Amino acid sequence: MSRMIRDLVELPDNQPLDALIRQLCQLRDHLPCGVRDVRVQLRGDQVFGRKLGISFLRPQTQEEHALESRYAHALRYAA
């Protein structure tokens, strides 16, 4: 089972292209194993600022799976 994780990276208005490329390369190099479907989206406006949203799917950890499976039984009866 996979869970969607969304990371947001600040994108200043007047950031040099080389600095942005370095940020993206560092982020790519530190992604966890098993990551797939990486997407980049520019969000925001001139009033509140801009953010570069990077989202990706990664496998659940064993701890997350154990917690979710513990409550999945209760959710079936609540529906």
C-alpha atoms as a PDB file:
ATOM      1  CA  MET A   1       0.000   0.000   0.000  1.00  0.00           C
ATOM      2  CA  SER A   2       1.263   3.529  -0.796  1.00  0.00           C
ATOM      3  CA  ARG A   3       0.574   6.858   0.793  1.00  0.00           C
ATOM      4  CA  MET A   4       0.841  10.233  -0.947  1.00  0.00           C
ATOM      5  CA  ILE A   5       3.419  12.490   0.670  1.00  0.00           C
ATOM      6  CA  ARG A   6       3.554  16.151  -0.336  1.00  0.00           C
ATOM      7  CA  ASP A   7       6.684  18.254   0.171  1.00  0.00           C
ATOM      8  CA  LEU A   8       6.606  22.017  -0.381  1.00  0.00           C
ATOM      9  CA  VAL A   9       9.739  23.917  -1.329  1.00  0.00           C
ATOM     10  CA  GLU A  10       9.823  27.715  -0.969  1.00  0.00           C
ATOM     11  CA  LEU A  11      10.453  29.490  -4.271  1.00  0.00           C
ATOM     12  CA  PRO A  12      11.492  33.131  -3.793  1.00  0.00           C
ATOM     13  CA  ASP A  13      10.371  35.557  -6.500  1.00  0.00           C
ATOM     14  CA  ASN A  14      13.872  36.464  -7.666  1.00  0.00           C
ATOM     15  CA  GLN A  15      15.764  33.215  -7.136  1.00  0.00           C
ATOM     16  CA  PRO A  16      18.540  32.505  -9.653  1.00  0.00           C
ATOM     17  CA  LEU A  17      17.960  29.490 -11.883  1.00  0.00           C
ATOM     18  CA  ASP A  18      21.186  27.813 -10.723  1.00  0.00           C
ATOM     19  CA  ALA A  19      20.039  27.986  -7.069  1.00  0.00           C
ATOM     20  CA  LEU A  20      16.683  26.443  -7.978  1.00  0.00           C
ATOM     21  CA  ILE A  21      18.380  23.644  -9.912  1.00  0.00           C
ATOM     22  CA  ARG A  22      20.668  22.939  -6.913  1.00  0.00           C
ATOM     23  CA  GLN A  23      17.632  22.776  -4.575  1.00  0.00           C
ATOM     24  CA  LEU A  24      15.797  20.360  -6.846  1.00  0.00           C
ATOM     25  CA  CYS A  25      18.878  18.146  -7.266  1.00  0.00           C
ATOM     26  CA  GLN A  26      19.368  17.973  -3.478  1.00  0.00           C
ATOM     27  CA  LEU A  27      15.721  17.074  -2.987  1.00  0.00           C
ATOM     28  CA  ARG A  28      15.911  14.366  -5.666  1.00  0.00           C
ATOM     29  CA  ASP A  29      19.067  12.909  -4.116  1.00  0.00           C
ATOM     30  CA  HIS A  30      17.416  12.632  -0.674  1.00  0.00           C
ATOM     31  CA  LEU A  31      14.130  11.009  -1.718  1.00  0.00           C
ATOM     32  CA  PRO A  32      13.405   7.757   0.166  1.00  0.00           C
ATOM     33  CA  CYS A  33      13.730   4.359  -1.549  1.00  0.00           C
ATOM     34  CA  GLY A  34      10.664   3.126  -3.426  1.00  0.00           C
ATOM     35  CA  VAL A  35       9.520   6.610  -4.459  1.00  0.00           C
ATOM     36  CA  ARG A  36       7.526   6.855  -7.676  1.00  0.00           C
ATOM     37  CA  ASP A  37       5.261   9.269  -9.536  1.00  0.00           C
ATOM     38  CA  VAL A  38       7.155  12.453  -8.604  1.00  0.00           C
ATOM     39  CA  ARG A  39       5.307  15.609  -9.687  1.00  0.00           C
ATOM     40  CA  VAL A  40       6.222  19.289  -9.574  1.00  0.00           C
ATOM     41  CA  GLN A  41       3.633  22.072  -9.474  1.00  0.00           C
ATOM     42  CA  LEU A  42       4.002  25.838  -9.088  1.00  0.00           C
ATOM     43  CA  ARG A  43       1.486  27.280  -6.616  1.00  0.00           C
ATOM     44  CA  GLY A  44       0.712  30.685  -5.175  1.00  0.00           C
ATOM     45  CA  ASP A  45       0.561  34.248  -6.462  1.00  0.00           C
ATOM     46  CA  GLN A  46       2.378  37.594  -6.262  1.00  0.00           C
ATOM     47  CA  VAL A  47       0.550  38.670  -3.088  1.00  0.00           C
ATOM     48  CA  PHE A  48       1.147  35.629  -0.856  1.00  0.00           C
ATOM     49  CA  GLY A  49       4.295  34.338  -2.573  1.00  0.00           C
ATOM     50  CA  ARG A  50       5.046  31.330  -4.685  1.00  0.00           C
ATOM     51  CA  LYS A  51       5.747  27.767  -3.662  1.00  0.00           C
ATOM     52  CA  LEU A  52       7.021  24.892  -5.693  1.00  0.00           C
ATOM     53  CA  GLY A  53       5.022  21.819  -4.649  1.00  0.00           C
ATOM     54  CA  ILE A  54       6.690  18.457  -5.065  1.00  0.00           C
ATOM     55  CA  SER A  55       4.552  15.389  -4.404  1.00  0.00           C
ATOM     56  CA  PHE A  56       5.388  11.716  -4.642  1.00  0.00           C
ATOM     57  CA  LEU A  57       4.140   8.271  -3.694  1.00  0.00           C
ATOM     58  CA  ARG A  58       6.157   6.154  -1.320  1.00  0.00           C
ATOM     59  CA  PRO A  59       5.477   2.779   0.286  1.00  0.00           C
ATOM     60  CA  GLN A  60       4.067   2.814   3.812  1.00  0.00           C
ATOM     61  CA  THR A  61       6.410   1.953   6.621  1.00  0.00           C
ATOM     62  CA  GLN A  62       5.680  -1.142   8.695  1.00  0.00           C
ATOM     63  CA  GLU A  63       4.618   1.089  11.595  1.00  0.00           C
ATOM     64  CA  GLU A  64       2.138   3.026   9.418  1.00  0.00           C
ATOM     65  CA  HIS A  65       0.723  -0.202   8.021  1.00  0.00           C
ATOM     66  CA  ALA A  66       0.275  -1.672  11.516  1.00  0.00           C
ATOM     67  CA  LEU A  67      -1.568   1.439  12.734  1.00  0.00           C
ATOM     68  CA  GLU A  68      -3.794   1.583   9.673  1.00  0.00           C
ATOM     69  CA  SER A  69      -4.669  -2.114   9.774  1.00  0.00           C
ATOM     70  CA  ARG A  70      -5.557  -1.809  13.463  1.00  0.00           C
ATOM     71  CA  TYR A  71      -8.183   0.832  12.685  1.00  0.00           C
ATOM     72  CA  ALA A  72      -9.330  -0.488   9.299  1.00  0.00           C
ATOM     73  CA  HIS A  73     -11.523  -3.100  11.020  1.00  0.00           C
ATOM     74  CA  ALA A  74     -13.328  -0.371  13.032  1.00  0.00           C
ATOM     75  CA  LEU A  75     -13.841   1.779   9.923  1.00  0.00           C
ATOM     76  CA  ARG A  76     -15.601  -1.075   8.086  1.00  0.00           C
ATOM     77  CA  TYR A  77     -18.254  -1.244  10.801  1.00  0.00           C
ATOM     78  CA  ALA A  78     -18.674   2.550  11.005  1.00  0.00           C
ATOM     79  CA  ALA A  79     -19.652   2.840   7.346  1.00  0.00           C
END
